[in-house]
mmCIF file of all heavy atoms, coordinates in Angstrom:
data_MODEL
# 
_entry.id   MODEL 
# 
loop_
_atom_site.group_PDB 
_atom_site.id 
_atom_site.type_symbol 
_atom_site.label_atom_id 
_atom_site.label_alt_id 
_atom_site.label_comp_id 
_atom_site.label_asym_id 
_atom_site.label_entity_id 
_atom_site.label_seq_id 
_atom_site.pdbx_PDB_ins_code 
_atom_site.Cartn_x 
_atom_site.Cartn_y 
_atom_site.Cartn_z 
_atom_site.occupancy 
_atom_site.B_iso_or_equiv 
_atom_site.pdbx_formal_charge 
_atom_site.auth_seq_id 
_atom_site.auth_comp_id 
_atom_site.auth_asym_id 
_atom_site.auth_atom_id 
_atom_site.pdbx_PDB_model_num 
ATOM 1   N N   . ALA A 1 1  ? 98.841  107.845 101.788 1.00 0.00 ? 1  ALA A N   1 
ATOM 2   C CA  . ALA A 1 1  ? 100.289 107.685 101.615 1.00 0.00 ? 1  ALA A CA  1 
ATOM 3   C C   . ALA A 1 1  ? 100.726 108.034 100.200 1.00 0.00 ? 1  ALA A C   1 
ATOM 4   O O   . ALA A 1 1  ? 101.824 108.548 99.990  1.00 0.00 ? 1  ALA A O   1 
ATOM 5   C CB  . ALA A 1 1  ? 100.700 106.261 101.965 1.00 0.00 ? 1  ALA A CB  1 
ATOM 6   N N   . ARG A 1 2  ? 99.858  107.762 99.236  1.00 0.00 ? 2  ARG A N   1 
ATOM 7   C CA  . ARG A 1 2  ? 100.191 108.111 97.847  1.00 0.00 ? 2  ARG A CA  1 
ATOM 8   C C   . ARG A 1 2  ? 100.267 109.620 97.668  1.00 0.00 ? 2  ARG A C   1 
ATOM 9   O O   . ARG A 1 2  ? 101.072 110.125 96.875  1.00 0.00 ? 2  ARG A O   1 
ATOM 10  C CB  . ARG A 1 2  ? 99.149  107.537 96.892  1.00 0.00 ? 2  ARG A CB  1 
ATOM 11  C CG  . ARG A 1 2  ? 99.170  106.034 96.765  1.00 0.00 ? 2  ARG A CG  1 
ATOM 12  C CD  . ARG A 1 2  ? 98.370  105.562 95.563  1.00 0.00 ? 2  ARG A CD  1 
ATOM 13  N NE  . ARG A 1 2  ? 96.955  105.892 95.674  1.00 0.00 ? 2  ARG A NE  1 
ATOM 14  C CZ  . ARG A 1 2  ? 96.044  105.090 96.214  1.00 0.00 ? 2  ARG A CZ  1 
ATOM 15  N NH1 . ARG A 1 2  ? 96.409  103.923 96.711  1.00 0.00 ? 2  ARG A NH1 1 
ATOM 16  N NH2 . ARG A 1 2  ? 94.783  105.444 96.260  1.00 0.00 ? 2  ARG A NH2 1 
ATOM 17  N N   . LEU A 1 3  ? 99.412  110.347 98.399  1.00 0.00 ? 3  LEU A N   1 
ATOM 18  C CA  . LEU A 1 3  ? 99.334  111.792 98.235  1.00 0.00 ? 3  LEU A CA  1 
ATOM 19  C C   . LEU A 1 3  ? 100.351 112.549 99.086  1.00 0.00 ? 3  LEU A C   1 
ATOM 20  O O   . LEU A 1 3  ? 100.722 113.675 98.750  1.00 0.00 ? 3  LEU A O   1 
ATOM 21  C CB  . LEU A 1 3  ? 97.924  112.269 98.611  1.00 0.00 ? 3  LEU A CB  1 
ATOM 22  C CG  . LEU A 1 3  ? 96.762  111.694 97.793  1.00 0.00 ? 3  LEU A CG  1 
ATOM 23  C CD1 . LEU A 1 3  ? 95.444  112.130 98.404  1.00 0.00 ? 3  LEU A CD1 1 
ATOM 24  C CD2 . LEU A 1 3  ? 96.871  112.137 96.343  1.00 0.00 ? 3  LEU A CD2 1 
ATOM 25  N N   . ALA A 1 4  ? 100.778 111.937 100.190 1.00 0.00 ? 4  ALA A N   1 
ATOM 26  C CA  . ALA A 1 4  ? 101.550 112.665 101.197 1.00 0.00 ? 4  ALA A CA  1 
ATOM 27  C C   . ALA A 1 4  ? 103.056 112.516 101.067 1.00 0.00 ? 4  ALA A C   1 
ATOM 28  O O   . ALA A 1 4  ? 103.798 113.133 101.840 1.00 0.00 ? 4  ALA A O   1 
ATOM 29  C CB  . ALA A 1 4  ? 101.121 112.201 102.591 1.00 0.00 ? 4  ALA A CB  1 
ATOM 30  N N   . THR A 1 5  ? 103.530 111.700 100.116 1.00 0.00 ? 5  THR A N   1 
ATOM 31  C CA  . THR A 1 5  ? 104.959 111.403 100.050 1.00 0.00 ? 5  THR A CA  1 
ATOM 32  C C   . THR A 1 5  ? 105.538 111.686 98.665  1.00 0.00 ? 5  THR A C   1 
ATOM 33  O O   . THR A 1 5  ? 104.842 111.626 97.650  1.00 0.00 ? 5  THR A O   1 
ATOM 34  C CB  . THR A 1 5  ? 105.212 109.922 100.372 1.00 0.00 ? 5  THR A CB  1 
ATOM 35  O OG1 . THR A 1 5  ? 104.491 109.101 99.434  1.00 0.00 ? 5  THR A OG1 1 
ATOM 36  C CG2 . THR A 1 5  ? 104.778 109.573 101.785 1.00 0.00 ? 5  THR A CG2 1 
ATOM 37  N N   . LYS A 1 6  ? 106.808 111.968 98.652  1.00 0.00 ? 6  LYS A N   1 
ATOM 38  C CA  . LYS A 1 6  ? 107.539 112.123 97.390  1.00 0.00 ? 6  LYS A CA  1 
ATOM 39  C C   . LYS A 1 6  ? 107.471 110.827 96.586  1.00 0.00 ? 6  LYS A C   1 
ATOM 40  O O   . LYS A 1 6  ? 107.237 110.846 95.372  1.00 0.00 ? 6  LYS A O   1 
ATOM 41  C CB  . LYS A 1 6  ? 108.988 112.498 97.681  1.00 0.00 ? 6  LYS A CB  1 
ATOM 42  C CG  . LYS A 1 6  ? 109.887 112.635 96.457  1.00 0.00 ? 6  LYS A CG  1 
ATOM 43  C CD  . LYS A 1 6  ? 111.275 113.093 96.886  1.00 0.00 ? 6  LYS A CD  1 
ATOM 44  C CE  . LYS A 1 6  ? 112.203 113.290 95.693  1.00 0.00 ? 6  LYS A CE  1 
ATOM 45  N NZ  . LYS A 1 6  ? 112.596 111.986 95.076  1.00 0.00 ? 6  LYS A NZ  1 
ATOM 46  N N   . ALA A 1 7  ? 107.675 109.702 97.296  1.00 0.00 ? 7  ALA A N   1 
ATOM 47  C CA  . ALA A 1 7  ? 107.626 108.414 96.607  1.00 0.00 ? 7  ALA A CA  1 
ATOM 48  C C   . ALA A 1 7  ? 106.279 108.198 95.946  1.00 0.00 ? 7  ALA A C   1 
ATOM 49  O O   . ALA A 1 7  ? 106.196 107.737 94.805  1.00 0.00 ? 7  ALA A O   1 
ATOM 50  C CB  . ALA A 1 7  ? 107.920 107.289 97.605  1.00 0.00 ? 7  ALA A CB  1 
ATOM 51  N N   . GLY A 1 8  ? 105.198 108.533 96.653  1.00 0.00 ? 8  GLY A N   1 
ATOM 52  C CA  . GLY A 1 8  ? 103.870 108.340 96.105  1.00 0.00 ? 8  GLY A CA  1 
ATOM 53  C C   . GLY A 1 8  ? 103.609 109.182 94.875  1.00 0.00 ? 8  GLY A C   1 
ATOM 54  O O   . GLY A 1 8  ? 103.030 108.716 93.896  1.00 0.00 ? 8  GLY A O   1 
ATOM 55  N N   . THR A 1 9  ? 104.066 110.422 94.910  1.00 0.00 ? 9  THR A N   1 
ATOM 56  C CA  . THR A 1 9  ? 103.846 111.306 93.756  1.00 0.00 ? 9  THR A CA  1 
ATOM 57  C C   . THR A 1 9  ? 104.677 110.868 92.554  1.00 0.00 ? 9  THR A C   1 
ATOM 58  O O   . THR A 1 9  ? 104.348 111.216 91.415  1.00 0.00 ? 9  THR A O   1 
ATOM 59  C CB  . THR A 1 9  ? 104.193 112.766 94.101  1.00 0.00 ? 9  THR A CB  1 
ATOM 60  O OG1 . THR A 1 9  ? 105.575 112.857 94.479  1.00 0.00 ? 9  THR A OG1 1 
ATOM 61  C CG2 . THR A 1 9  ? 103.314 113.269 95.244  1.00 0.00 ? 9  THR A CG2 1 
ATOM 62  N N   . GLU A 1 10 ? 105.728 110.090 92.804  1.00 0.00 ? 10 GLU A N   1 
ATOM 63  C CA  . GLU A 1 10 ? 106.560 109.576 91.719  1.00 0.00 ? 10 GLU A CA  1 
ATOM 64  C C   . GLU A 1 10 ? 106.111 108.193 91.259  1.00 0.00 ? 10 GLU A C   1 
ATOM 65  O O   . GLU A 1 10 ? 106.775 107.557 90.448  1.00 0.00 ? 10 GLU A O   1 
ATOM 66  C CB  . GLU A 1 10 ? 108.022 109.514 92.173  1.00 0.00 ? 10 GLU A CB  1 
ATOM 67  C CG  . GLU A 1 10 ? 108.625 110.898 92.400  1.00 0.00 ? 10 GLU A CG  1 
ATOM 68  C CD  . GLU A 1 10 ? 110.032 110.855 92.994  1.00 0.00 ? 10 GLU A CD  1 
ATOM 69  O OE1 . GLU A 1 10 ? 110.468 109.760 93.443  1.00 0.00 ? 10 GLU A OE1 1 
ATOM 70  O OE2 . GLU A 1 10 ? 110.697 111.906 92.993  1.00 0.00 ? 10 GLU A OE2 1 
ATOM 71  N N   . GLY A 1 11 ? 104.971 107.743 91.774  1.00 0.00 ? 11 GLY A N   1 
ATOM 72  C CA  . GLY A 1 11 ? 104.406 106.480 91.328  1.00 0.00 ? 11 GLY A CA  1 
ATOM 73  C C   . GLY A 1 11 ? 104.869 105.261 92.094  1.00 0.00 ? 11 GLY A C   1 
ATOM 74  O O   . GLY A 1 11 ? 104.528 104.136 91.737  1.00 0.00 ? 11 GLY A O   1 
ATOM 75  N N   . ARG A 1 12 ? 105.655 105.474 93.142  1.00 0.00 ? 12 ARG A N   1 
ATOM 76  C CA  . ARG A 1 12 ? 106.122 104.347 93.961  1.00 0.00 ? 12 ARG A CA  1 
ATOM 77  C C   . ARG A 1 12 ? 105.191 104.223 95.162  1.00 0.00 ? 12 ARG A C   1 
ATOM 78  O O   . ARG A 1 12 ? 105.427 104.822 96.203  1.00 0.00 ? 12 ARG A O   1 
ATOM 79  C CB  . ARG A 1 12 ? 107.574 104.571 94.391  1.00 0.00 ? 12 ARG A CB  1 
ATOM 80  C CG  . ARG A 1 12 ? 108.556 104.503 93.224  1.00 0.00 ? 12 ARG A CG  1 
ATOM 81  C CD  . ARG A 1 12 ? 109.947 104.910 93.649  1.00 0.00 ? 12 ARG A CD  1 
ATOM 82  N NE  . ARG A 1 12 ? 110.031 106.361 93.875  1.00 0.00 ? 12 ARG A NE  1 
ATOM 83  C CZ  . ARG A 1 12 ? 110.901 106.932 94.704  1.00 0.00 ? 12 ARG A CZ  1 
ATOM 84  N NH1 . ARG A 1 12 ? 111.732 106.192 95.414  1.00 0.00 ? 12 ARG A NH1 1 
ATOM 85  N NH2 . ARG A 1 12 ? 110.943 108.249 94.828  1.00 0.00 ? 12 ARG A NH2 1 
ATOM 86  N N   . GLU A 1 13 ? 104.144 103.472 94.979  1.00 0.00 ? 13 GLU A N   1 
ATOM 87  C CA  . GLU A 1 13 ? 103.071 103.437 95.960  1.00 0.00 ? 13 GLU A CA  1 
ATOM 88  C C   . GLU A 1 13 ? 103.404 102.544 97.151  1.00 0.00 ? 13 GLU A C   1 
ATOM 89  O O   . GLU A 1 13 ? 104.186 101.604 97.050  1.00 0.00 ? 13 GLU A O   1 
ATOM 90  C CB  . GLU A 1 13 ? 101.779 102.978 95.293  1.00 0.00 ? 13 GLU A CB  1 
ATOM 91  C CG  . GLU A 1 13 ? 101.295 103.950 94.218  1.00 0.00 ? 13 GLU A CG  1 
ATOM 92  C CD  . GLU A 1 13 ? 99.940  103.571 93.663  1.00 0.00 ? 13 GLU A CD  1 
ATOM 93  O OE1 . GLU A 1 13 ? 99.413  102.505 94.038  1.00 0.00 ? 13 GLU A OE1 1 
ATOM 94  O OE2 . GLU A 1 13 ? 99.397  104.358 92.853  1.00 0.00 ? 13 GLU A OE2 1 
ATOM 95  N N   . PHE A 1 14 ? 102.776 102.852 98.265  1.00 0.00 ? 14 PHE A N   1 
ATOM 96  C CA  . PHE A 1 14 ? 102.953 102.094 99.500  1.00 0.00 ? 14 PHE A CA  1 
ATOM 97  C C   . PHE A 1 14 ? 101.821 101.094 99.663  1.00 0.00 ? 14 PHE A C   1 
ATOM 98  O O   . PHE A 1 14 ? 100.686 101.338 99.254  1.00 0.00 ? 14 PHE A O   1 
ATOM 99  C CB  . PHE A 1 14 ? 102.968 103.039 100.701 1.00 0.00 ? 14 PHE A CB  1 
ATOM 100 C CG  . PHE A 1 14 ? 104.171 103.930 100.762 1.00 0.00 ? 14 PHE A CG  1 
ATOM 101 C CD1 . PHE A 1 14 ? 104.193 105.131 100.050 1.00 0.00 ? 14 PHE A CD1 1 
ATOM 102 C CD2 . PHE A 1 14 ? 105.285 103.579 101.510 1.00 0.00 ? 14 PHE A CD2 1 
ATOM 103 C CE1 . PHE A 1 14 ? 105.299 105.962 100.099 1.00 0.00 ? 14 PHE A CE1 1 
ATOM 104 C CE2 . PHE A 1 14 ? 106.388 104.404 101.570 1.00 0.00 ? 14 PHE A CE2 1 
ATOM 105 C CZ  . PHE A 1 14 ? 106.402 105.601 100.856 1.00 0.00 ? 14 PHE A CZ  1 
ATOM 106 N N   . THR A 1 15 ? 102.137 99.975  100.283 1.00 0.00 ? 15 THR A N   1 
ATOM 107 C CA  . THR A 1 15 ? 101.137 98.976  100.630 1.00 0.00 ? 15 THR A CA  1 
ATOM 108 C C   . THR A 1 15 ? 101.082 98.859  102.144 1.00 0.00 ? 15 THR A C   1 
ATOM 109 O O   . THR A 1 15 ? 102.118 98.681  102.799 1.00 0.00 ? 15 THR A O   1 
ATOM 110 C CB  . THR A 1 15 ? 101.484 97.602  100.027 1.00 0.00 ? 15 THR A CB  1 
ATOM 111 O OG1 . THR A 1 15 ? 101.536 97.720  98.601  1.00 0.00 ? 15 THR A OG1 1 
ATOM 112 C CG2 . THR A 1 15 ? 100.429 96.566  100.412 1.00 0.00 ? 15 THR A CG2 1 
ATOM 113 N N   . ILE A 1 16 ? 99.883  98.988  102.701 1.00 0.00 ? 16 ILE A N   1 
ATOM 114 C CA  . ILE A 1 16 ? 99.690  98.811  104.137 1.00 0.00 ? 16 ILE A CA  1 
ATOM 115 C C   . ILE A 1 16 ? 99.177  97.390  104.355 1.00 0.00 ? 16 ILE A C   1 
ATOM 116 O O   . ILE A 1 16 ? 98.070  97.057  103.946 1.00 0.00 ? 16 ILE A O   1 
ATOM 117 C CB  . ILE A 1 16 ? 98.677  99.824  104.712 1.00 0.00 ? 16 ILE A CB  1 
ATOM 118 C CG1 . ILE A 1 16 ? 98.972  101.239 104.209 1.00 0.00 ? 16 ILE A CG1 1 
ATOM 119 C CG2 . ILE A 1 16 ? 98.685  99.755  106.238 1.00 0.00 ? 16 ILE A CG2 1 
ATOM 120 C CD1 . ILE A 1 16 ? 100.354 101.764 104.542 1.00 0.00 ? 16 ILE A CD1 1 
ATOM 121 N N   . HIS A 1 17 ? 100.000 96.564  104.960 1.00 0.00 ? 17 HIS A N   1 
ATOM 122 C CA  . HIS A 1 17 ? 99.645  95.174  105.204 1.00 0.00 ? 17 HIS A CA  1 
ATOM 123 C C   . HIS A 1 17 ? 99.003  95.060  106.585 1.00 0.00 ? 17 HIS A C   1 
ATOM 124 O O   . HIS A 1 17 ? 99.588  95.479  107.586 1.00 0.00 ? 17 HIS A O   1 
ATOM 125 C CB  . HIS A 1 17 ? 100.880 94.276  105.167 1.00 0.00 ? 17 HIS A CB  1 
ATOM 126 C CG  . HIS A 1 17 ? 101.642 94.330  103.874 1.00 0.00 ? 17 HIS A CG  1 
ATOM 127 N ND1 . HIS A 1 17 ? 101.474 93.387  102.877 1.00 0.00 ? 17 HIS A ND1 1 
ATOM 128 C CD2 . HIS A 1 17 ? 102.579 95.213  103.425 1.00 0.00 ? 17 HIS A CD2 1 
ATOM 129 C CE1 . HIS A 1 17 ? 102.286 93.688  101.863 1.00 0.00 ? 17 HIS A CE1 1 
ATOM 130 N NE2 . HIS A 1 17 ? 102.952 94.787  102.170 1.00 0.00 ? 17 HIS A NE2 1 
ATOM 131 N N   . ALA A 1 18 ? 97.825  94.479  106.638 1.00 0.00 ? 18 ALA A N   1 
ATOM 132 C CA  . ALA A 1 18 ? 97.131  94.234  107.907 1.00 0.00 ? 18 ALA A CA  1 
ATOM 133 C C   . ALA A 1 18 ? 96.716  92.765  107.921 1.00 0.00 ? 18 ALA A C   1 
ATOM 134 O O   . ALA A 1 18 ? 95.540  92.434  107.791 1.00 0.00 ? 18 ALA A O   1 
ATOM 135 C CB  . ALA A 1 18 ? 95.923  95.158  108.057 1.00 0.00 ? 18 ALA A CB  1 
ATOM 136 N N   . PRO A 1 19 ? 97.691  91.851  108.077 1.00 0.00 ? 19 PRO A N   1 
ATOM 137 C CA  . PRO A 1 19 ? 97.418  90.421  107.896 1.00 0.00 ? 19 PRO A CA  1 
ATOM 138 C C   . PRO A 1 19 ? 96.486  89.818  108.937 1.00 0.00 ? 19 PRO A C   1 
ATOM 139 O O   . PRO A 1 19 ? 95.956  88.725  108.720 1.00 0.00 ? 19 PRO A O   1 
ATOM 140 C CB  . PRO A 1 19 ? 98.810  89.782  107.968 1.00 0.00 ? 19 PRO A CB  1 
ATOM 141 C CG  . PRO A 1 19 ? 99.640  90.755  108.754 1.00 0.00 ? 19 PRO A CG  1 
ATOM 142 C CD  . PRO A 1 19 ? 99.117  92.105  108.375 1.00 0.00 ? 19 PRO A CD  1 
ATOM 143 N N   . LEU A 1 20 ? 96.272  90.511  110.059 1.00 0.00 ? 20 LEU A N   1 
ATOM 144 C CA  . LEU A 1 20 ? 95.393  89.983  111.099 1.00 0.00 ? 20 LEU A CA  1 
ATOM 145 C C   . LEU A 1 20 ? 93.991  90.598  111.032 1.00 0.00 ? 20 LEU A C   1 
ATOM 146 O O   . LEU A 1 20 ? 93.147  90.310  111.878 1.00 0.00 ? 20 LEU A O   1 
ATOM 147 C CB  . LEU A 1 20 ? 95.973  90.267  112.491 1.00 0.00 ? 20 LEU A CB  1 
ATOM 148 C CG  . LEU A 1 20 ? 97.448  89.977  112.724 1.00 0.00 ? 20 LEU A CG  1 
ATOM 149 C CD1 . LEU A 1 20 ? 97.790  90.171  114.193 1.00 0.00 ? 20 LEU A CD1 1 
ATOM 150 C CD2 . LEU A 1 20 ? 97.838  88.597  112.250 1.00 0.00 ? 20 LEU A CD2 1 
ATOM 151 N N   . GLN A 1 21 ? 93.762  91.424  110.018 1.00 0.00 ? 21 GLN A N   1 
ATOM 152 C CA  . GLN A 1 21 ? 92.548  92.243  109.951 1.00 0.00 ? 21 GLN A CA  1 
ATOM 153 C C   . GLN A 1 21 ? 91.272  91.445  110.181 1.00 0.00 ? 21 GLN A C   1 
ATOM 154 O O   . GLN A 1 21 ? 90.371  91.865  110.903 1.00 0.00 ? 21 GLN A O   1 
ATOM 155 C CB  . GLN A 1 21 ? 92.481  92.932  108.589 1.00 0.00 ? 21 GLN A CB  1 
ATOM 156 C CG  . GLN A 1 21 ? 91.327  93.897  108.423 1.00 0.00 ? 21 GLN A CG  1 
ATOM 157 C CD  . GLN A 1 21 ? 91.577  95.245  109.054 1.00 0.00 ? 21 GLN A CD  1 
ATOM 158 O OE1 . GLN A 1 21 ? 92.276  96.050  108.504 1.00 0.00 ? 21 GLN A OE1 1 
ATOM 159 N NE2 . GLN A 1 21 ? 91.024  95.473  110.219 1.00 0.00 ? 21 GLN A NE2 1 
ATOM 160 N N   . HIS A 1 22 ? 91.176  90.283  109.564 1.00 0.00 ? 22 HIS A N   1 
ATOM 161 C CA  . HIS A 1 22 ? 89.936  89.516  109.630 1.00 0.00 ? 22 HIS A CA  1 
ATOM 162 C C   . HIS A 1 22 ? 90.094  88.225  110.435 1.00 0.00 ? 22 HIS A C   1 
ATOM 163 O O   . HIS A 1 22 ? 89.310  87.284  110.254 1.00 0.00 ? 22 HIS A O   1 
ATOM 164 C CB  . HIS A 1 22 ? 89.430  89.222  108.214 1.00 0.00 ? 22 HIS A CB  1 
ATOM 165 C CG  . HIS A 1 22 ? 89.187  90.469  107.415 1.00 0.00 ? 22 HIS A CG  1 
ATOM 166 N ND1 . HIS A 1 22 ? 88.187  91.367  107.735 1.00 0.00 ? 22 HIS A ND1 1 
ATOM 167 C CD2 . HIS A 1 22 ? 89.844  90.992  106.344 1.00 0.00 ? 22 HIS A CD2 1 
ATOM 168 C CE1 . HIS A 1 22 ? 88.217  92.381  106.875 1.00 0.00 ? 22 HIS A CE1 1 
ATOM 169 N NE2 . HIS A 1 22 ? 89.211  92.181  106.038 1.00 0.00 ? 22 HIS A NE2 1 
ATOM 170 N N   . MET A 1 23 ? 91.066  88.193  111.321 1.00 0.00 ? 23 MET A N   1 
ATOM 171 C CA  . MET A 1 23 ? 91.253  87.034  112.201 1.00 0.00 ? 23 MET A CA  1 
ATOM 172 C C   . MET A 1 23 ? 90.565  87.265  113.540 1.00 0.00 ? 23 MET A C   1 
ATOM 173 O O   . MET A 1 23 ? 90.481  88.395  114.018 1.00 0.00 ? 23 MET A O   1 
ATOM 174 C CB  . MET A 1 23 ? 92.742  86.793  112.467 1.00 0.00 ? 23 MET A CB  1 
ATOM 175 C CG  . MET A 1 23 ? 93.545  86.301  111.290 1.00 0.00 ? 23 MET A CG  1 
ATOM 176 S SD  . MET A 1 23 ? 95.240  85.898  111.825 1.00 0.00 ? 23 MET A SD  1 
ATOM 177 C CE  . MET A 1 23 ? 95.999  85.516  110.252 1.00 0.00 ? 23 MET A CE  1 
ATOM 178 N N   . THR A 1 24 ? 90.105  86.189  114.142 1.00 0.00 ? 24 THR A N   1 
ATOM 179 C CA  . THR A 1 24 ? 89.659  86.252  115.527 1.00 0.00 ? 24 THR A CA  1 
ATOM 180 C C   . THR A 1 24 ? 90.894  86.148  116.428 1.00 0.00 ? 24 THR A C   1 
ATOM 181 O O   . THR A 1 24 ? 91.990  85.803  115.965 1.00 0.00 ? 24 THR A O   1 
ATOM 182 C CB  . THR A 1 24 ? 88.701  85.101  115.861 1.00 0.00 ? 24 THR A CB  1 
ATOM 183 O OG1 . THR A 1 24 ? 89.422  83.863  115.754 1.00 0.00 ? 24 THR A OG1 1 
ATOM 184 C CG2 . THR A 1 24 ? 87.508  85.085  114.903 1.00 0.00 ? 24 THR A CG2 1 
# 
């Protein structure tokens, strides 16, 4: 996402939240 977007190239990085990642 940092490489593929205008925002990313301008230093406005994206966060991918996966809050259930390690839940059963």
